[in-house]
Amino acid sequence: MSSDNSLAQAPEPMDPDVGLSHGRQRREQRRSQYGLLAVIAAGGALGTVARYEASLIWPTPVGAFPLTTFVVNVVGCLVIGVFLVAVTEIFTAHPLLRPFFGTGVLGGFTTFSTFCVDFKRLADSGHPATGLVYIVATVAAAMAAVTAGAWTTRRLLAHRRES
């Protein structure tokens, strides 16, 4: 085994206009990273609570198609399609809006980890065909939803510009 630490010493990628040789800039960079993480965590907490509430309102019986998780993931993908077009093509957003809402809220709301657990539960309870349908339907619907959200938002924006 080699004692070469070249990988551990490789510098992390940084914004080229940030000169980290100055202590003040290093402290500012660290502070901004902590603020970014706090914003993402706050958004994630809100999204996770919303998803949890949906699972309480519409629980999935054992062996049944996990409709609540399916709908949550599809709706979240639709919203991210609309949101990303809005903040990148329609208006200039605050720099923390995308991490808060896109990564935090929608990342906490959508739940592709539960999607995997749902499939395992279906397979373990003797419903592998339902699990396979669930996988295919979720991936297809999620992709269609994000595409439809982005496309529709762009079309509405183009229609507004023409009027």
N, C-alpha and C. Protein backbone atom coordinates (compact mmCIF):
# COMPACT_ATOMS: atom_id res chain seq x y z
N MET A 1 0.84 -1.19 0.00
CA MET A 1 0.00 0.00 0.00
C MET A 1 0.88 1.24 0.00
N SER A 2 0.55 2.18 -0.84
CA SER A 2 1.35 3.38 -1.01
C SER A 2 0.95 4.42 0.02
N SER A 3 1.91 5.24 0.40
CA SER A 3 1.61 6.32 1.34
C SER A 3 1.43 7.64 0.59
N ASP A 4 1.16 7.56 -0.71
CA ASP A 4 0.97 8.74 -1.53
C ASP A 4 -0.34 9.43 -1.14
N ASN A 5 -0.25 10.66 -0.72
CA ASN A 5 -1.44 11.42 -0.30
C ASN A 5 -1.82 12.47 -1.34
N SER A 6 -1.48 12.25 -2.60
CA SER A 6 -1.73 13.27 -3.61
C SER A 6 -3.22 13.56 -3.79
N LEU A 7 -4.07 12.53 -3.64
CA LEU A 7 -5.49 12.77 -3.76
C LEU A 7 -6.02 13.61 -2.61
N ALA A 8 -5.53 13.36 -1.42
CA ALA A 8 -5.99 14.10 -0.25
C ALA A 8 -5.54 15.56 -0.31
N GLN A 9 -4.45 15.85 -1.04
CA GLN A 9 -3.91 17.20 -1.09
C GLN A 9 -4.43 18.01 -2.27
N ALA A 10 -5.19 17.39 -3.16
CA ALA A 10 -5.70 18.10 -4.32
C ALA A 10 -6.65 19.19 -3.85
N PRO A 11 -6.50 20.39 -4.40
CA PRO A 11 -7.39 21.48 -3.97
C PRO A 11 -8.80 21.26 -4.49
N GLU A 12 -9.76 21.69 -3.69
CA GLU A 12 -11.16 21.62 -4.11
C GLU A 12 -11.40 22.71 -5.14
N PRO A 13 -12.31 22.48 -6.09
CA PRO A 13 -12.61 23.52 -7.07
C PRO A 13 -13.19 24.75 -6.39
N MET A 14 -12.78 25.90 -6.82
CA MET A 14 -13.23 27.15 -6.23
C MET A 14 -13.60 28.13 -7.31
N ASP A 15 -14.41 29.08 -6.95
CA ASP A 15 -14.74 30.18 -7.83
C ASP A 15 -13.44 30.92 -8.15
N PRO A 16 -13.12 31.13 -9.42
CA PRO A 16 -11.82 31.70 -9.78
C PRO A 16 -11.61 33.13 -9.29
N ASP A 17 -12.67 33.87 -8.98
CA ASP A 17 -12.46 35.23 -8.53
C ASP A 17 -12.32 35.33 -7.01
N VAL A 18 -12.25 34.20 -6.34
CA VAL A 18 -12.06 34.19 -4.90
C VAL A 18 -10.61 33.86 -4.61
N GLY A 19 -9.88 34.82 -4.07
CA GLY A 19 -8.49 34.59 -3.70
C GLY A 19 -8.42 34.12 -2.26
N LEU A 20 -8.24 32.84 -2.06
CA LEU A 20 -8.29 32.30 -0.70
C LEU A 20 -6.96 32.41 0.03
N SER A 21 -6.01 33.13 -0.57
CA SER A 21 -4.75 33.33 0.13
C SER A 21 -4.92 34.36 1.25
N HIS A 22 -5.98 35.12 1.19
CA HIS A 22 -6.25 36.13 2.22
C HIS A 22 -7.22 35.54 3.23
N GLY A 23 -6.88 35.67 4.50
CA GLY A 23 -7.70 35.11 5.57
C GLY A 23 -9.13 35.61 5.55
N ARG A 24 -9.33 36.90 5.25
CA ARG A 24 -10.67 37.47 5.24
C ARG A 24 -11.54 36.80 4.19
N GLN A 25 -11.01 36.54 3.01
CA GLN A 25 -11.79 35.88 1.96
C GLN A 25 -12.09 34.43 2.31
N ARG A 26 -11.15 33.76 2.99
CA ARG A 26 -11.42 32.39 3.43
C ARG A 26 -12.57 32.37 4.43
N ARG A 27 -12.58 33.31 5.36
CA ARG A 27 -13.65 33.38 6.36
C ARG A 27 -14.99 33.70 5.70
N GLU A 28 -15.00 34.62 4.72
CA GLU A 28 -16.23 34.96 4.01
C GLU A 28 -16.77 33.75 3.25
N GLN A 29 -15.87 32.99 2.60
CA GLN A 29 -16.27 31.80 1.86
C GLN A 29 -16.90 30.78 2.80
N ARG A 30 -16.28 30.57 3.96
CA ARG A 30 -16.79 29.62 4.94
C ARG A 30 -18.15 30.07 5.45
N ARG A 31 -18.30 31.37 5.76
CA ARG A 31 -19.56 31.90 6.24
C ARG A 31 -20.66 31.73 5.20
N SER A 32 -20.34 31.99 3.93
CA SER A 32 -21.37 31.87 2.89
C SER A 32 -21.77 30.41 2.71
N GLN A 33 -20.84 29.48 2.88
CA GLN A 33 -21.18 28.05 2.77
C GLN A 33 -22.10 27.64 3.91
N TYR A 34 -21.85 28.13 5.12
CA TYR A 34 -22.71 27.80 6.25
C TYR A 34 -24.11 28.38 6.03
N GLY A 35 -24.18 29.60 5.52
CA GLY A 35 -25.48 30.20 5.23
C GLY A 35 -26.24 29.42 4.18
N LEU A 36 -25.54 28.98 3.14
CA LEU A 36 -26.15 28.19 2.08
C LEU A 36 -26.69 26.87 2.65
N LEU A 37 -25.89 26.21 3.46
CA LEU A 37 -26.34 24.96 4.08
C LEU A 37 -27.55 25.18 4.99
N ALA A 38 -27.57 26.29 5.71
CA ALA A 38 -28.70 26.59 6.58
C ALA A 38 -29.98 26.81 5.77
N VAL A 39 -29.85 27.51 4.65
CA VAL A 39 -31.01 27.78 3.79
C VAL A 39 -31.53 26.47 3.20
N ILE A 40 -30.63 25.61 2.72
CA ILE A 40 -31.04 24.32 2.17
C ILE A 40 -31.71 23.46 3.25
N ALA A 41 -31.12 23.45 4.44
CA ALA A 41 -31.69 22.65 5.54
C ALA A 41 -33.08 23.15 5.93
N ALA A 42 -33.26 24.46 5.99
CA ALA A 42 -34.58 25.02 6.34
C ALA A 42 -35.61 24.63 5.27
N GLY A 43 -35.24 24.76 4.02
CA GLY A 43 -36.15 24.36 2.95
C GLY A 43 -36.43 22.87 2.98
N GLY A 44 -35.39 22.08 3.22
CA GLY A 44 -35.56 20.63 3.30
C GLY A 44 -36.50 20.22 4.42
N ALA A 45 -36.42 20.92 5.54
CA ALA A 45 -37.31 20.62 6.66
C ALA A 45 -38.77 20.89 6.26
N LEU A 46 -39.00 21.99 5.59
CA LEU A 46 -40.38 22.31 5.15
C LEU A 46 -40.89 21.27 4.15
N GLY A 47 -40.07 20.93 3.18
CA GLY A 47 -40.49 19.94 2.18
C GLY A 47 -40.74 18.57 2.78
N THR A 48 -39.89 18.18 3.71
CA THR A 48 -40.03 16.87 4.36
C THR A 48 -41.31 16.81 5.19
N VAL A 49 -41.61 17.88 5.90
CA VAL A 49 -42.84 17.93 6.69
C VAL A 49 -44.06 17.83 5.77
N ALA A 50 -44.02 18.52 4.64
CA ALA A 50 -45.14 18.46 3.69
C ALA A 50 -45.32 17.03 3.17
N ARG A 51 -44.22 16.37 2.84
CA ARG A 51 -44.31 14.99 2.34
C ARG A 51 -44.84 14.06 3.43
N TYR A 52 -44.35 14.23 4.65
CA TYR A 52 -44.80 13.40 5.77
C TYR A 52 -46.29 13.59 6.01
N GLU A 53 -46.75 14.82 5.95
CA GLU A 53 -48.18 15.09 6.13
C GLU A 53 -49.00 14.41 5.04
N ALA A 54 -48.51 14.44 3.81
CA ALA A 54 -49.21 13.76 2.71
C ALA A 54 -49.32 12.26 2.99
N SER A 55 -48.25 11.67 3.54
CA SER A 55 -48.29 10.23 3.83
C SER A 55 -49.24 9.91 4.98
N LEU A 56 -49.46 10.86 5.87
CA LEU A 56 -50.43 10.65 6.95
C LEU A 56 -51.86 10.79 6.44
N ILE A 57 -52.07 11.73 5.55
CA ILE A 57 -53.42 11.97 5.01
C ILE A 57 -53.84 10.83 4.09
N TRP A 58 -52.89 10.36 3.25
CA TRP A 58 -53.18 9.29 2.29
C TRP A 58 -52.22 8.12 2.48
N PRO A 59 -52.41 7.32 3.54
CA PRO A 59 -51.50 6.20 3.78
C PRO A 59 -51.66 5.11 2.72
N THR A 60 -50.57 4.38 2.48
CA THR A 60 -50.59 3.30 1.49
C THR A 60 -50.71 1.97 2.21
N PRO A 61 -51.75 1.18 1.90
CA PRO A 61 -51.87 -0.15 2.51
C PRO A 61 -50.74 -1.07 2.03
N VAL A 62 -50.39 -2.04 2.84
CA VAL A 62 -49.33 -3.00 2.49
C VAL A 62 -49.71 -3.74 1.21
N GLY A 63 -48.76 -3.81 0.29
CA GLY A 63 -48.98 -4.52 -0.96
C GLY A 63 -49.66 -3.71 -2.05
N ALA A 64 -50.10 -2.48 -1.72
CA ALA A 64 -50.78 -1.64 -2.71
C ALA A 64 -49.79 -0.73 -3.42
N PHE A 65 -50.20 -0.25 -4.57
CA PHE A 65 -49.39 0.72 -5.32
C PHE A 65 -49.22 1.96 -4.44
N PRO A 66 -47.99 2.42 -4.21
CA PRO A 66 -47.74 3.58 -3.32
C PRO A 66 -48.13 4.90 -3.99
N LEU A 67 -49.40 5.13 -4.08
CA LEU A 67 -49.92 6.28 -4.82
C LEU A 67 -49.47 7.62 -4.23
N THR A 68 -49.42 7.73 -2.92
CA THR A 68 -49.03 8.99 -2.30
C THR A 68 -47.60 9.36 -2.68
N THR A 69 -46.68 8.43 -2.56
CA THR A 69 -45.29 8.71 -2.92
C THR A 69 -45.18 9.02 -4.41
N PHE A 70 -45.92 8.27 -5.22
CA PHE A 70 -45.94 8.50 -6.66
C PHE A 70 -46.39 9.93 -6.97
N VAL A 71 -47.51 10.34 -6.39
CA VAL A 71 -48.06 11.67 -6.66
C VAL A 71 -47.11 12.76 -6.14
N VAL A 72 -46.57 12.58 -4.95
CA VAL A 72 -45.63 13.55 -4.39
C VAL A 72 -44.43 13.74 -5.33
N ASN A 73 -43.87 12.64 -5.80
CA ASN A 73 -42.70 12.75 -6.68
C ASN A 73 -43.05 13.40 -8.01
N VAL A 74 -44.18 13.06 -8.58
CA VAL A 74 -44.58 13.64 -9.86
C VAL A 74 -44.89 15.13 -9.70
N VAL A 75 -45.63 15.49 -8.67
CA VAL A 75 -45.94 16.91 -8.43
C VAL A 75 -44.66 17.69 -8.18
N GLY A 76 -43.75 17.14 -7.38
CA GLY A 76 -42.48 17.81 -7.12
C GLY A 76 -41.68 18.03 -8.40
N CYS A 77 -41.68 17.05 -9.28
CA CYS A 77 -40.97 17.19 -10.55
C CYS A 77 -41.63 18.23 -11.45
N LEU A 78 -42.94 18.28 -11.46
CA LEU A 78 -43.65 19.30 -12.22
C LEU A 78 -43.29 20.70 -11.71
N VAL A 79 -43.31 20.87 -10.41
CA VAL A 79 -43.00 22.16 -9.81
C VAL A 79 -41.54 22.55 -10.09
N ILE A 80 -40.62 21.61 -10.03
CA ILE A 80 -39.22 21.96 -10.30
C ILE A 80 -39.05 22.40 -11.76
N GLY A 81 -39.80 21.79 -12.68
CA GLY A 81 -39.74 22.23 -14.07
C GLY A 81 -40.21 23.66 -14.23
N VAL A 82 -41.32 24.00 -13.59
CA VAL A 82 -41.84 25.36 -13.64
C VAL A 82 -40.88 26.31 -12.94
N PHE A 83 -40.44 25.93 -11.75
CA PHE A 83 -39.59 26.80 -10.93
C PHE A 83 -38.28 27.14 -11.62
N LEU A 84 -37.60 26.14 -12.16
CA LEU A 84 -36.30 26.41 -12.77
C LEU A 84 -36.40 27.29 -14.00
N VAL A 85 -37.44 27.12 -14.79
CA VAL A 85 -37.63 28.03 -15.92
C VAL A 85 -37.91 29.44 -15.39
N ALA A 86 -38.73 29.54 -14.37
CA ALA A 86 -39.07 30.85 -13.82
C ALA A 86 -37.84 31.59 -13.31
N VAL A 87 -36.99 30.92 -12.55
CA VAL A 87 -35.85 31.63 -11.94
C VAL A 87 -34.65 31.75 -12.87
N THR A 88 -34.65 31.04 -13.97
CA THR A 88 -33.52 31.19 -14.90
C THR A 88 -33.87 31.95 -16.16
N GLU A 89 -35.16 31.98 -16.53
CA GLU A 89 -35.54 32.60 -17.79
C GLU A 89 -36.55 33.74 -17.65
N ILE A 90 -37.25 33.81 -16.55
CA ILE A 90 -38.30 34.83 -16.42
C ILE A 90 -37.87 36.00 -15.55
N PHE A 91 -37.34 35.71 -14.38
CA PHE A 91 -36.93 36.80 -13.50
C PHE A 91 -35.62 36.46 -12.81
N THR A 92 -34.98 37.49 -12.31
CA THR A 92 -33.74 37.30 -11.56
C THR A 92 -34.11 37.07 -10.11
N ALA A 93 -33.72 35.92 -9.61
CA ALA A 93 -34.07 35.54 -8.25
C ALA A 93 -32.93 35.84 -7.29
N HIS A 94 -33.27 35.97 -6.04
CA HIS A 94 -32.26 36.09 -4.99
C HIS A 94 -31.37 34.86 -5.06
N PRO A 95 -30.07 34.99 -4.85
CA PRO A 95 -29.16 33.86 -4.99
C PRO A 95 -29.48 32.66 -4.09
N LEU A 96 -30.20 32.88 -3.01
CA LEU A 96 -30.53 31.76 -2.11
C LEU A 96 -31.89 31.13 -2.40
N LEU A 97 -32.65 31.69 -3.35
CA LEU A 97 -33.97 31.13 -3.65
C LEU A 97 -33.86 29.73 -4.24
N ARG A 98 -32.99 29.54 -5.22
CA ARG A 98 -32.85 28.21 -5.83
C ARG A 98 -32.42 27.16 -4.82
N PRO A 99 -31.38 27.43 -4.01
CA PRO A 99 -31.01 26.41 -3.01
C PRO A 99 -32.12 26.17 -1.98
N PHE A 100 -32.81 27.23 -1.57
CA PHE A 100 -33.87 27.07 -0.58
C PHE A 100 -35.03 26.25 -1.14
N PHE A 101 -35.57 26.70 -2.27
CA PHE A 101 -36.78 26.07 -2.79
C PHE A 101 -36.48 24.85 -3.64
N GLY A 102 -35.55 24.98 -4.58
CA GLY A 102 -35.26 23.86 -5.48
C GLY A 102 -34.60 22.69 -4.78
N THR A 103 -33.48 22.96 -4.13
CA THR A 103 -32.74 21.89 -3.45
C THR A 103 -33.39 21.53 -2.12
N GLY A 104 -33.76 22.53 -1.35
CA GLY A 104 -34.31 22.28 -0.01
C GLY A 104 -35.74 21.80 -0.02
N VAL A 105 -36.67 22.70 -0.34
CA VAL A 105 -38.10 22.35 -0.24
C VAL A 105 -38.45 21.19 -1.18
N LEU A 106 -38.12 21.35 -2.46
CA LEU A 106 -38.51 20.29 -3.40
C LEU A 106 -37.67 19.03 -3.22
N GLY A 107 -36.42 19.19 -2.81
CA GLY A 107 -35.59 18.01 -2.51
C GLY A 107 -36.11 17.24 -1.31
N GLY A 108 -36.63 17.97 -0.33
CA GLY A 108 -37.22 17.31 0.84
C GLY A 108 -38.61 16.75 0.55
N PHE A 109 -39.33 17.43 -0.33
CA PHE A 109 -40.70 17.00 -0.66
C PHE A 109 -40.67 15.74 -1.52
N THR A 110 -39.90 15.76 -2.60
CA THR A 110 -39.80 14.56 -3.41
C THR A 110 -38.98 13.54 -2.65
N THR A 111 -39.23 12.28 -2.90
CA THR A 111 -38.61 11.27 -2.07
C THR A 111 -38.28 10.02 -2.87
N PHE A 112 -37.17 10.09 -3.56
CA PHE A 112 -36.79 8.92 -4.35
C PHE A 112 -36.16 7.84 -3.48
N SER A 113 -35.80 8.16 -2.25
CA SER A 113 -35.35 7.10 -1.33
C SER A 113 -36.56 6.28 -0.88
N THR A 114 -37.67 6.94 -0.58
CA THR A 114 -38.89 6.21 -0.22
C THR A 114 -39.39 5.41 -1.41
N PHE A 115 -39.21 5.94 -2.60
CA PHE A 115 -39.54 5.23 -3.84
C PHE A 115 -38.84 3.87 -3.86
N CYS A 116 -37.56 3.85 -3.51
CA CYS A 116 -36.80 2.58 -3.47
C CYS A 116 -37.31 1.66 -2.36
N VAL A 117 -37.58 2.23 -1.20
CA VAL A 117 -38.09 1.44 -0.07
C VAL A 117 -39.47 0.86 -0.42
N ASP A 118 -40.30 1.66 -1.08
CA ASP A 118 -41.63 1.17 -1.49
C ASP A 118 -41.49 -0.03 -2.43
N PHE A 119 -40.56 0.05 -3.38
CA PHE A 119 -40.36 -1.08 -4.29
C PHE A 119 -39.93 -2.32 -3.51
N LYS A 120 -39.00 -2.15 -2.57
CA LYS A 120 -38.52 -3.30 -1.79
C LYS A 120 -39.67 -3.91 -0.97
N ARG A 121 -40.49 -3.07 -0.38
CA ARG A 121 -41.63 -3.57 0.39
C ARG A 121 -42.61 -4.34 -0.50
N LEU A 122 -42.85 -3.83 -1.69
CA LEU A 122 -43.74 -4.53 -2.62
C LEU A 122 -43.15 -5.88 -3.01
N ALA A 123 -41.88 -5.91 -3.32
CA ALA A 123 -41.23 -7.17 -3.71
C ALA A 123 -41.22 -8.15 -2.54
N ASP A 124 -40.90 -7.67 -1.34
CA ASP A 124 -40.83 -8.54 -0.16
C ASP A 124 -42.20 -9.08 0.27
N SER A 125 -43.26 -8.33 -0.05
CA SER A 125 -44.60 -8.77 0.35
C SER A 125 -45.29 -9.58 -0.75
N GLY A 126 -44.52 -10.00 -1.76
CA GLY A 126 -45.08 -10.86 -2.80
C GLY A 126 -45.77 -10.13 -3.93
N HIS A 127 -45.42 -8.84 -4.14
CA HIS A 127 -46.03 -8.04 -5.20
C HIS A 127 -44.96 -7.45 -6.12
N PRO A 128 -44.05 -8.27 -6.65
CA PRO A 128 -42.97 -7.72 -7.48
C PRO A 128 -43.48 -7.08 -8.78
N ALA A 129 -44.56 -7.59 -9.36
CA ALA A 129 -45.09 -6.99 -10.59
C ALA A 129 -45.59 -5.57 -10.32
N THR A 130 -46.27 -5.37 -9.20
CA THR A 130 -46.72 -4.03 -8.82
C THR A 130 -45.51 -3.13 -8.61
N GLY A 131 -44.46 -3.67 -8.01
CA GLY A 131 -43.23 -2.92 -7.79
C GLY A 131 -42.58 -2.48 -9.10
N LEU A 132 -42.55 -3.37 -10.07
CA LEU A 132 -41.97 -3.01 -11.37
C LEU A 132 -42.80 -1.95 -12.09
N VAL A 133 -44.11 -2.09 -12.02
CA VAL A 133 -44.99 -1.08 -12.61
C VAL A 133 -44.74 0.27 -11.92
N TYR A 134 -44.60 0.22 -10.61
CA TYR A 134 -44.34 1.43 -9.82
C TYR A 134 -43.04 2.10 -10.26
N ILE A 135 -41.99 1.33 -10.45
CA ILE A 135 -40.70 1.89 -10.87
C ILE A 135 -40.82 2.56 -12.24
N VAL A 136 -41.36 1.83 -13.19
CA VAL A 136 -41.47 2.35 -14.55
C VAL A 136 -42.40 3.57 -14.59
N ALA A 137 -43.53 3.47 -13.92
CA ALA A 137 -44.49 4.57 -13.92
C ALA A 137 -43.92 5.81 -13.25
N THR A 138 -43.20 5.64 -12.14
CA THR A 138 -42.63 6.80 -11.44
C THR A 138 -41.58 7.50 -12.29
N VAL A 139 -40.66 6.74 -12.85
CA VAL A 139 -39.61 7.35 -13.66
C VAL A 139 -40.22 8.05 -14.88
N ALA A 140 -41.12 7.38 -15.57
CA ALA A 140 -41.74 7.97 -16.76
C ALA A 140 -42.56 9.21 -16.40
N ALA A 141 -43.36 9.12 -15.36
CA ALA A 141 -44.21 10.26 -14.98
C ALA A 141 -43.38 11.42 -14.45
N ALA A 142 -42.32 11.13 -13.71
CA ALA A 142 -41.46 12.20 -13.19
C ALA A 142 -40.76 12.94 -14.32
N MET A 143 -40.23 12.19 -15.28
CA MET A 143 -39.57 12.81 -16.43
C MET A 143 -40.58 13.62 -17.25
N ALA A 144 -41.75 13.06 -17.46
CA ALA A 144 -42.79 13.77 -18.21
C ALA A 144 -43.23 15.04 -17.47
N ALA A 145 -43.32 14.96 -16.16
CA ALA A 145 -43.78 16.10 -15.37
C ALA A 145 -42.79 17.25 -15.41
N VAL A 146 -41.51 16.97 -15.22
CA VAL A 146 -40.52 18.05 -15.26
C VAL A 146 -40.46 18.66 -16.65
N THR A 147 -40.56 17.82 -17.67
CA THR A 147 -40.54 18.32 -19.05
C THR A 147 -41.78 19.16 -19.33
N ALA A 148 -42.94 18.67 -18.91
CA ALA A 148 -44.19 19.41 -19.12
C ALA A 148 -44.19 20.73 -18.37
N GLY A 149 -43.68 20.73 -17.15
CA GLY A 149 -43.61 21.96 -16.37
C GLY A 149 -42.74 23.00 -17.04
N ALA A 150 -41.57 22.59 -17.50
CA ALA A 150 -40.65 23.52 -18.17
C ALA A 150 -41.24 23.98 -19.51
N TRP A 151 -41.75 23.05 -20.29
CA TRP A 151 -42.29 23.39 -21.61
C TRP A 151 -43.49 24.34 -21.49
N THR A 152 -44.41 24.00 -20.59
CA THR A 152 -45.61 24.83 -20.42
C THR A 152 -45.24 26.23 -19.95
N THR A 153 -44.31 26.31 -19.02
CA THR A 153 -43.89 27.62 -18.52
C THR A 153 -43.28 28.45 -19.65
N ARG A 154 -42.44 27.83 -20.45
CA ARG A 154 -41.85 28.55 -21.59
C ARG A 154 -42.92 28.99 -22.59
N ARG A 155 -43.90 28.13 -22.87
CA ARG A 155 -44.97 28.47 -23.81
C ARG A 155 -45.80 29.63 -23.27
N LEU A 156 -46.13 29.59 -21.97
CA LEU A 156 -46.90 30.68 -21.37
C LEU A 156 -46.10 31.99 -21.42
N LEU A 157 -44.83 31.90 -21.20
CA LEU A 157 -43.97 33.08 -21.25
C LEU A 157 -43.92 33.63 -22.67
N ALA A 158 -43.79 32.76 -23.67
CA ALA A 158 -43.77 33.20 -25.07
C ALA A 158 -45.10 33.82 -25.45
N HIS A 159 -46.19 33.22 -24.98
CA HIS A 159 -47.52 33.75 -25.28
C HIS A 159 -47.69 35.14 -24.65
N ARG A 160 -47.21 35.33 -23.44
CA ARG A 160 -47.29 36.63 -22.76
C ARG A 160 -46.49 37.67 -23.50
N ARG A 161 -45.33 37.29 -24.02
CA ARG A 161 -44.48 38.24 -24.76
C ARG A 161 -45.13 38.67 -26.07
N GLU A 162 -45.87 37.74 -26.71
CA GLU A 162 -46.52 38.03 -27.97
C GLU A 162 -47.72 38.94 -27.78
N SER A 163 -48.33 38.91 -26.61
CA SER A 163 -49.55 39.71 -26.37
C SER A 163 -49.24 41.15 -26.15
